[in-house]
Amino acid sequence: MIGLIIIGDEILSGRRQDKHLSKAIELLSERGMAVSWVRYVGDEPDRITADLQHALSSGDVVFSFGGIGATPDDHTRACAGKATGRELVLHPQARDLILQRCKVLAEQEGKPFEPDSADTQRRLQMGFFPVGADIIPNPYNQIPGFTLEGRVHFLPGFPVMAWPMMAWVLDELHADLHGQGQLAEKAVVVYGAIESVLTPLMVEVEARFAPVKVFSLPSVDHPVHGRHIELGVKGGAPDIEEAFAYLQQGLLKLGAKMGPILVRNQA
């Protein structure tokens, strides 16, 4: 499964709108993969640590967005250390990349590069990762993210950096998972139906055709179909056909009025 942890008080307060979820869905879908779960958490070290402990113990591939900078409200690197019980150390590749970035910035500003300056030392804090971490290259400004256990990946909160870094991780570290989240949906519009009446049929279909899942999307003011329920099944493409046929027969027995059939591919 693929999980996301999206970190930052600014997301929870509404000062910034989260864009990572929709982009992650897009990046995964392009590779035949899908998001299984998402957690939003503020800049609270204990909660971040708990979510990272869950991620590390879950066996899932997890992307954590935000909090890996060097300001006082950036807690993710320290929380990753606590979650793993490992010391934070300056990663040698991260050190070289950050020093090179500092040198370029100094040249752009027409100033001498001072590797021992307070500003450079603050920037180097962004290269302190838990022992055993591997870096994730950052094509935007070369300040890397990092990976733990080969499957929990730590990215910046800035979309311009995080999204190409996520794409790199998916292609370079998880190419073997491409296509494994490919799902199909098949649904029918049911007019004037009540979900409570349809629920026994939904339960029966799920029990009979597991792991196919049944879904119900009610609408009261659709511009074309008016009040209706979009009732369908989702799962592996070969698995849903028999389940959907059984669902249709059940609807006919209930005397339901059915409209168009909708077919979609996910991820």
Protein backbone atom coordinates (compact mmCIF):
# COMPACT_ATOMS: atom_id res chain seq x y z
CA MET A 1 0.00 0.00 0.00
CA ILE A 2 1.00 3.63 -0.50
CA GLY A 3 0.56 6.14 2.33
CA LEU A 4 1.03 9.89 2.61
CA ILE A 5 1.85 12.00 5.67
CA ILE A 6 1.34 15.71 5.06
CA ILE A 7 2.82 17.91 7.78
CA GLY A 8 2.28 21.55 8.69
CA ASP A 9 0.16 23.83 10.87
CA GLU A 10 -0.46 26.01 7.82
CA ILE A 11 -2.40 23.17 6.17
CA LEU A 12 -4.59 22.49 9.19
CA SER A 13 -5.28 26.20 9.80
CA GLY A 14 -6.24 26.81 6.19
CA ARG A 15 -3.50 29.38 5.57
CA ARG A 16 -2.33 27.12 2.76
CA GLN A 17 -4.30 24.58 0.78
CA ASP A 18 -2.79 21.13 0.47
CA LYS A 19 -1.77 20.32 -3.08
CA HIS A 20 0.27 17.21 -2.36
CA LEU A 21 -2.62 14.74 -2.23
CA SER A 22 -3.98 15.54 -5.69
CA LYS A 23 -0.50 15.56 -7.23
CA ALA A 24 0.45 12.30 -5.50
CA ILE A 25 -2.69 10.68 -6.91
CA GLU A 26 -1.69 11.93 -10.36
CA LEU A 27 1.93 10.71 -10.10
CA LEU A 28 0.84 7.32 -8.81
CA SER A 29 -1.94 6.96 -11.37
CA GLU A 30 0.55 7.55 -14.19
CA ARG A 31 2.42 4.49 -12.91
CA GLY A 32 -0.56 2.24 -12.24
CA MET A 33 -0.45 2.84 -8.50
CA ALA A 34 -2.87 4.32 -5.98
CA VAL A 35 -2.97 6.05 -2.59
CA SER A 36 -4.25 3.80 0.20
CA TRP A 37 -4.20 6.23 3.12
CA VAL A 38 -3.40 9.83 4.05
CA ARG A 39 -2.66 11.49 7.38
CA TYR A 40 -2.52 15.23 8.05
CA VAL A 41 -0.59 16.37 11.11
CA GLY A 42 0.41 19.76 12.50
CA ASP A 43 3.84 20.80 13.68
CA GLU A 44 3.56 18.74 16.87
CA PRO A 45 6.64 16.55 17.43
CA ASP A 46 4.88 13.84 19.46
CA ARG A 47 2.18 13.34 16.85
CA ILE A 48 4.66 13.44 13.97
CA THR A 49 6.80 10.83 15.75
CA ALA A 50 3.78 8.59 16.31
CA ASP A 51 2.75 8.81 12.66
CA LEU A 52 6.28 8.03 11.52
CA GLN A 53 6.45 5.04 13.87
CA HIS A 54 3.25 3.77 12.28
CA ALA A 55 4.69 4.34 8.80
CA LEU A 56 7.90 2.51 9.60
CA SER A 57 6.11 -0.47 11.14
CA SER A 58 3.35 -0.69 8.53
CA GLY A 59 5.37 -2.22 5.71
CA ASP A 60 3.81 0.35 3.37
CA VAL A 61 5.59 2.72 1.03
CA VAL A 62 5.10 6.13 2.64
CA PHE A 63 5.83 9.67 1.50
CA SER A 64 6.16 12.35 4.18
CA PHE A 65 5.85 15.94 2.97
CA GLY A 66 7.19 18.90 4.95
CA GLY A 67 9.18 19.77 8.02
CA ILE A 68 12.69 18.79 6.87
CA GLY A 69 14.09 22.34 6.81
CA ALA A 70 16.19 23.96 9.53
CA THR A 71 13.80 26.45 11.15
CA PRO A 72 12.38 25.96 14.67
CA ASP A 73 9.05 24.65 13.33
CA ASP A 74 10.73 21.95 11.22
CA HIS A 75 10.54 18.83 13.37
CA THR A 76 10.38 15.97 10.88
CA ARG A 77 14.06 15.02 10.82
CA ALA A 78 14.27 14.92 14.62
CA CYS A 79 11.00 12.98 14.80
CA ALA A 80 12.33 10.47 12.29
CA GLY A 81 15.30 9.97 14.58
CA LYS A 82 13.04 9.38 17.57
CA ALA A 83 10.78 7.06 15.58
CA THR A 84 13.74 4.89 14.60
CA GLY A 85 15.74 5.28 17.81
CA ARG A 86 18.69 6.49 15.74
CA GLU A 87 21.00 9.45 16.14
CA LEU A 88 20.90 12.26 13.59
CA VAL A 89 24.22 12.58 11.76
CA LEU A 90 25.39 14.76 8.89
CA HIS A 91 25.06 12.63 5.77
CA PRO A 92 28.30 12.97 3.75
CA GLN A 93 26.55 13.31 0.38
CA ALA A 94 24.08 15.79 1.83
CA ARG A 95 26.99 17.77 3.27
CA ASP A 96 28.70 18.02 -0.11
CA LEU A 97 25.49 19.00 -1.88
CA ILE A 98 24.61 21.67 0.67
CA LEU A 99 28.12 23.16 0.67
CA GLN A 100 28.05 23.28 -3.11
CA ARG A 101 24.68 25.05 -2.96
CA CYS A 102 26.03 27.57 -0.44
CA LYS A 103 29.03 28.22 -2.69
CA VAL A 104 26.79 28.88 -5.69
CA LEU A 105 24.61 31.28 -3.67
CA ALA A 106 27.68 33.17 -2.45
CA GLU A 107 28.94 33.53 -6.02
CA GLN A 108 25.56 34.78 -7.18
CA GLU A 109 25.60 37.41 -4.45
CA GLY A 110 29.21 38.39 -5.18
CA LYS A 111 30.36 37.32 -1.71
CA PRO A 112 33.17 35.02 -0.62
CA PHE A 113 32.13 31.49 0.28
CA GLU A 114 32.63 30.88 4.01
CA PRO A 115 32.04 27.21 4.88
CA ASP A 116 32.39 27.92 8.61
CA SER A 117 29.97 30.85 8.71
CA ALA A 118 26.89 30.68 10.92
CA ASP A 119 24.62 30.78 7.86
CA THR A 120 26.40 27.85 6.20
CA GLN A 121 26.29 25.85 9.42
CA ARG A 122 22.54 26.47 9.70
CA ARG A 123 22.07 25.22 6.15
CA LEU A 124 24.08 22.11 6.94
CA GLN A 125 21.49 21.22 9.59
CA MET A 126 19.25 20.20 6.69
CA GLY A 127 21.67 17.35 5.97
CA PHE A 128 21.35 15.73 9.39
CA PHE A 129 19.39 12.49 8.94
CA PRO A 130 18.96 9.34 11.05
CA VAL A 131 21.90 6.95 10.80
CA GLY A 132 21.50 4.67 7.79
CA ALA A 133 19.39 7.08 5.73
CA ASP A 134 19.84 7.37 1.97
CA ILE A 135 19.41 10.67 0.18
CA ILE A 136 16.74 11.66 -2.33
CA PRO A 137 18.11 14.11 -4.92
CA ASN A 138 16.46 17.51 -5.21
CA PRO A 139 16.69 18.87 -8.78
CA TYR A 140 15.43 22.32 -7.74
CA ASN A 141 18.10 23.47 -5.27
CA GLN A 142 20.12 20.30 -4.55
CA ILE A 143 19.14 20.22 -0.84
CA PRO A 144 18.26 16.51 -0.57
CA GLY A 145 15.49 14.63 1.13
CA PHE A 146 16.07 11.20 2.61
CA THR A 147 14.78 7.64 2.73
CA LEU A 148 14.56 5.18 5.62
CA GLU A 149 14.26 1.41 5.22
CA GLY A 150 14.03 1.93 1.46
CA ARG A 151 10.32 2.69 1.66
CA VAL A 152 9.62 5.67 3.95
CA HIS A 153 10.56 8.80 2.04
CA PHE A 154 10.97 12.32 3.42
CA LEU A 155 10.35 15.23 1.05
CA PRO A 156 10.19 19.03 1.43
CA GLY A 157 6.86 20.77 1.75
CA PHE A 158 7.50 22.92 -1.32
CA PRO A 159 5.66 21.38 -4.31
CA VAL A 160 8.28 22.57 -6.83
CA MET A 161 10.80 20.38 -5.00
CA ALA A 162 8.68 17.59 -3.59
CA TRP A 163 6.88 16.48 -6.74
CA PRO A 164 9.90 15.75 -8.97
CA MET A 165 11.55 14.10 -5.96
CA MET A 166 8.51 11.84 -5.49
CA ALA A 167 8.57 10.98 -9.20
CA TRP A 168 12.26 10.05 -8.90
CA VAL A 169 11.57 7.80 -5.91
CA LEU A 170 8.72 6.03 -7.71
CA ASP A 171 10.80 5.40 -10.82
CA GLU A 172 14.16 4.63 -9.24
CA LEU A 173 13.19 2.83 -6.02
CA HIS A 174 9.75 1.37 -6.68
CA ALA A 175 9.59 0.53 -10.37
CA ASP A 176 8.66 -3.02 -9.34
CA LEU A 177 5.38 -1.69 -7.93
CA HIS A 178 4.25 0.03 -11.12
CA GLY A 179 0.93 -1.35 -12.27
CA GLN A 180 0.10 -3.09 -9.01
CA GLY A 181 -2.56 -0.57 -8.03
CA GLN A 182 -4.48 -0.80 -11.30
CA LEU A 183 -8.19 -0.87 -10.49
CA ALA A 184 -11.34 -0.69 -12.52
CA GLU A 185 -14.80 0.59 -11.61
CA LYS A 186 -18.15 -0.28 -13.10
CA ALA A 187 -21.28 1.43 -11.85
CA VAL A 188 -24.87 2.08 -12.78
CA VAL A 189 -27.04 5.11 -12.07
CA VAL A 190 -30.01 4.09 -9.91
CA TYR A 191 -32.85 6.61 -9.88
CA GLY A 192 -34.85 7.47 -6.77
CA ALA A 193 -33.27 4.74 -4.67
CA ILE A 194 -32.70 4.73 -0.91
CA GLU A 195 -29.32 3.50 0.33
CA SER A 196 -30.80 1.58 3.24
CA VAL A 197 -32.83 -0.53 0.80
CA LEU A 198 -29.74 -1.24 -1.32
CA THR A 199 -27.42 -2.01 1.60
CA PRO A 200 -28.26 -5.75 1.93
CA LEU A 201 -27.49 -6.25 -1.76
CA MET A 202 -24.21 -4.36 -1.39
CA VAL A 203 -23.19 -6.52 1.58
CA GLU A 204 -24.07 -9.68 -0.33
CA VAL A 205 -22.02 -8.68 -3.39
CA GLU A 206 -18.94 -7.89 -1.29
CA ALA A 207 -19.22 -11.18 0.60
CA ARG A 208 -19.72 -13.24 -2.55
CA PHE A 209 -17.09 -11.59 -4.74
CA ALA A 210 -14.33 -10.53 -2.31
CA PRO A 211 -11.92 -8.78 -2.74
CA VAL A 212 -14.17 -6.73 -5.04
CA LYS A 213 -15.56 -3.70 -3.19
CA VAL A 214 -18.98 -2.10 -3.59
CA PHE A 215 -19.45 1.67 -3.51
CA SER A 216 -22.45 3.97 -3.32
CA LEU A 217 -22.34 7.65 -4.29
CA PRO A 218 -25.69 9.39 -3.66
CA SER A 219 -26.64 12.72 -5.23
CA VAL A 220 -29.72 14.84 -4.61
CA ASP A 221 -29.32 17.58 -7.24
CA HIS A 222 -27.34 16.24 -10.18
CA PRO A 223 -27.89 18.50 -13.25
CA VAL A 224 -28.58 15.51 -15.54
CA HIS A 225 -29.77 12.62 -13.36
CA GLY A 226 -31.40 14.51 -10.50
CA ARG A 227 -31.76 12.50 -7.31
CA HIS A 228 -29.94 9.21 -7.80
CA ILE A 229 -27.30 6.82 -6.48
CA GLU A 230 -24.26 5.77 -8.45
CA LEU A 231 -23.93 2.15 -7.37
CA GLY A 232 -21.01 0.06 -8.48
CA VAL A 233 -18.09 -2.26 -7.87
CA LYS A 234 -14.34 -1.75 -8.02
CA GLY A 235 -11.37 -4.07 -8.09
CA GLY A 236 -9.15 -5.85 -10.56
CA ALA A 237 -10.50 -5.49 -14.09
CA PRO A 238 -11.14 -9.24 -14.62
CA ASP A 239 -12.84 -9.57 -11.23
CA ILE A 240 -15.55 -6.94 -11.44
CA GLU A 241 -17.55 -8.19 -14.43
CA GLU A 242 -19.26 -11.08 -12.66
CA ALA A 243 -19.80 -8.99 -9.53
CA PHE A 244 -21.38 -6.18 -11.56
CA ALA A 245 -23.68 -8.58 -13.40
CA TYR A 246 -24.83 -9.98 -10.05
CA LEU A 247 -25.37 -6.43 -8.77
CA GLN A 248 -27.55 -5.58 -11.77
CA GLN A 249 -29.66 -8.72 -11.31
CA GLY A 250 -30.16 -7.81 -7.68
CA LEU A 251 -31.31 -4.33 -8.65
CA LEU A 252 -33.79 -5.78 -11.13
CA LYS A 253 -35.24 -8.00 -8.38
CA LEU A 254 -35.67 -4.91 -6.23
CA GLY A 255 -37.51 -3.17 -9.03
CA ALA A 256 -34.91 -0.40 -9.23
CA LYS A 257 -34.98 2.03 -12.11
CA MET A 258 -31.54 2.01 -13.71
CA GLY A 259 -29.85 4.51 -15.97
CA PRO A 260 -26.49 4.60 -17.79
CA ILE A 261 -23.56 2.36 -16.94
CA LEU A 262 -20.28 4.09 -16.04
CA VAL A 263 -16.85 2.47 -16.50
CA ARG A 264 -13.64 3.97 -15.14
CA ASN A 265 -10.05 2.94 -14.63
CA GLN A 266 -8.23 4.05 -11.47
CA ALA A 267 -4.53 4.46 -10.92
